[in-house]
Protein backbone atom coordinates (compact mmCIF):
# COMPACT_ATOMS: atom_id res chain seq x y z
CA MET A 1 -20.08 -1.26 -13.17
CA SER A 2 -16.90 0.10 -12.05
CA LEU A 3 -15.87 1.99 -9.09
CA VAL A 4 -13.80 4.93 -8.36
CA LEU A 5 -10.21 4.39 -6.71
CA GLU A 6 -8.32 7.54 -5.88
CA ILE A 7 -4.99 6.96 -4.61
CA VAL A 8 -3.63 10.33 -2.62
CA THR A 9 -0.37 10.75 -1.10
CA PRO A 10 1.72 14.12 0.66
CA ASP A 11 2.89 14.38 -2.64
CA SER A 12 0.23 14.20 -5.18
CA ILE A 13 -2.75 11.76 -6.43
CA ALA A 14 -1.25 8.64 -7.19
CA PHE A 15 -3.52 6.70 -8.84
CA SER A 16 -7.05 7.90 -9.92
CA LYS A 17 -9.28 5.75 -12.24
CA GLU A 18 -11.97 4.08 -13.12
CA VAL A 19 -11.59 0.52 -11.74
CA LYS A 20 -13.34 -2.93 -12.03
CA SER A 21 -12.01 -4.06 -8.13
CA VAL A 22 -9.72 -3.78 -5.54
CA VAL A 23 -7.74 -5.14 -2.52
CA VAL A 24 -6.93 -2.91 0.19
CA PRO A 25 -4.54 -4.42 2.93
CA THR A 26 -5.59 -2.93 6.17
CA LEU A 27 -5.99 -3.59 9.66
CA ASN A 28 -8.55 -5.89 9.97
CA GLY A 29 -7.16 -8.07 6.94
CA LYS A 30 -7.56 -7.50 2.87
CA ILE A 31 -10.74 -5.81 1.85
CA ASP A 32 -11.81 -6.72 -1.74
CA ILE A 33 -13.78 -3.92 -3.29
CA LEU A 34 -16.55 -3.79 -5.54
CA SER A 35 -18.80 -1.63 -7.19
CA LYS A 36 -21.92 -1.65 -4.38
CA HIS A 37 -19.44 -2.36 -1.47
CA ILE A 38 -21.15 -1.17 1.98
CA PRO A 39 -19.71 2.18 3.40
CA ILE A 40 -16.42 1.76 5.31
CA ILE A 41 -13.65 3.36 6.82
CA ASP A 42 -10.57 1.59 7.88
CA ARG A 43 -6.76 2.18 8.67
CA VAL A 44 -4.67 0.76 5.81
CA ILE A 45 -1.08 -1.13 6.79
CA PRO A 46 1.38 -1.08 4.27
CA GLY A 47 1.47 -4.00 2.03
CA ASP A 48 0.27 -4.96 -1.99
CA LEU A 49 -2.47 -2.69 -3.39
CA LYS A 50 -4.47 -5.22 -6.23
CA ILE A 51 -6.47 -3.16 -8.53
CA GLU A 52 -7.89 -4.56 -11.53
CA HIS A 53 -9.06 -2.46 -14.70
CA ASP A 54 -9.27 -2.68 -18.37
CA GLY A 55 -9.24 -6.44 -18.26
CA GLU A 56 -5.34 -5.82 -16.58
CA ILE A 57 -4.46 -6.63 -13.25
CA ASN A 58 -2.03 -4.34 -11.12
CA TYR A 59 0.21 -4.06 -7.71
CA LEU A 60 0.91 -0.64 -6.02
CA ALA A 61 2.58 -0.86 -2.96
CA ILE A 62 1.16 1.59 -0.67
CA GLY A 63 2.18 2.45 3.15
CA SER A 64 -0.07 3.58 5.87
CA GLY A 65 -2.93 5.26 5.50
CA PHE A 66 -6.68 5.31 5.63
CA VAL A 67 -9.30 4.14 3.41
CA GLU A 68 -13.43 5.11 2.89
CA VAL A 69 -15.54 3.44 0.29
CA TYR A 70 -18.37 5.20 0.01
CA GLY A 71 -20.79 4.33 -2.93
CA ASP A 72 -19.14 3.70 -5.85
CA LYS A 73 -15.93 5.93 -4.69
CA VAL A 74 -12.65 3.89 -2.89
CA SER A 75 -10.34 6.94 -1.76
CA ILE A 76 -7.42 5.92 0.28
CA ILE A 77 -4.86 8.12 1.69
CA THR A 78 -1.38 6.77 2.31
CA ASP A 79 1.85 8.37 3.17
CA GLN A 80 3.35 6.50 0.19
CA ALA A 81 2.30 5.03 -2.93
CA ILE A 82 4.27 3.14 -5.79
CA ASP A 83 3.75 1.15 -9.13
CA VAL A 84 6.83 -1.48 -8.67
CA SER A 85 6.42 -2.56 -11.89
CA GLU A 86 9.42 -0.39 -13.34
CA GLU A 87 11.64 -0.97 -10.04
CA ASP A 88 14.66 -2.48 -10.01
CA GLU A 89 14.63 -6.05 -8.40
CA SER A 90 18.41 -5.60 -6.46
CA ALA A 91 17.13 -1.82 -5.39
CA ILE A 92 14.45 -3.05 -3.54
CA ASP A 93 16.07 -5.88 -2.02
CA GLU A 94 18.73 -3.03 -1.14
CA ALA A 95 16.66 -0.93 0.59
CA ILE A 96 14.53 -4.00 2.55
CA GLN A 97 18.17 -4.95 4.12
CA LYS A 98 18.50 -1.27 5.05
CA ALA A 99 15.32 -0.99 6.82
CA LYS A 100 16.31 -4.21 8.20
CA LYS A 101 18.92 -3.02 9.73
CA SER A 102 17.40 0.23 10.57
CA LEU A 103 14.23 -1.71 12.84
CA GLU A 104 16.89 -3.65 14.73
CA GLU A 105 19.64 -1.22 15.20
CA GLY A 106 16.09 0.81 16.17
CA LYS A 107 15.08 -1.98 18.82
CA LYS A 108 19.14 -1.90 20.46
CA SER A 109 18.85 1.40 21.13
CA ASN A 110 16.70 3.25 23.59
CA LEU A 111 14.06 4.82 20.83
CA GLU A 112 10.33 5.62 21.86
CA ARG A 113 7.59 3.24 20.44
CA ALA A 114 6.33 5.99 17.45
CA GLN A 115 10.11 5.33 16.38
CA ILE A 116 10.20 1.64 16.47
CA GLU A 117 6.96 1.53 15.12
CA GLN A 118 7.82 4.31 11.95
CA LEU A 119 11.00 2.21 10.99
CA GLU A 120 8.76 -1.10 11.12
CA ALA A 121 6.46 0.57 9.31
CA VAL A 122 9.00 1.22 6.19
CA ALA A 123 10.64 -1.96 6.75
CA ARG A 124 6.71 -3.62 5.84
CA PHE A 125 6.37 -0.91 2.75
CA GLU A 126 10.03 -2.76 1.36
CA MET A 127 8.84 -5.74 2.16
CA ALA A 128 4.99 -4.71 0.00
CA LYS A 129 6.78 -3.17 -2.84
CA LYS A 130 8.82 -7.13 -3.31
CA ILE A 131 5.79 -8.83 -3.45
CA ALA A 132 3.72 -6.29 -5.95
CA ARG A 133 6.83 -6.42 -7.84
CA LYS A 134 6.64 -10.18 -8.16
CA LYS A 135 2.67 -10.56 -8.60
CA SER A 136 3.30 -7.83 -11.46
CA LEU A 137 5.20 -10.29 -13.68
C-alpha cells in the first residue's frame, strides 16, 4: 500500500511521489502517516519531514503551513521545503547564526508580535535544515 505525497510551496511543487510513509511536524506533535490514515487537517510547523519511499528514507526541511490527509493522498502546503542532502553544512550553520541574531535584535526592538513570530519561524526552519541534514547522512 502506498500514499501519494505532494508538497507545494509558493514557487513550485517541491515533491510529488508515491511513498510508503511520511512523518510530519505539526502543531500537535509529529504525525506518522501511513496508507489508510484517517482524514486530518493540521498546521505544519517548521521542522524535518521524514519520507520513506523506494526502500529509502529521505528528510526534507519544511516551513510553516498546513497538511491535509484524505484517502491515500497527503497534501502539504508550506512556505518553504528543501532537500538538505546537497546543502553545505557550513552555509546552514551560518544561516542559523544570522537567524538567531535577527531574532535577538527583533526581540530587543519594538517589533510587533507577528514580526517576532516570523523571525522565530525563520530560525526554526534553519534549525530544521541542520537536523534534516544530519539525519540524511
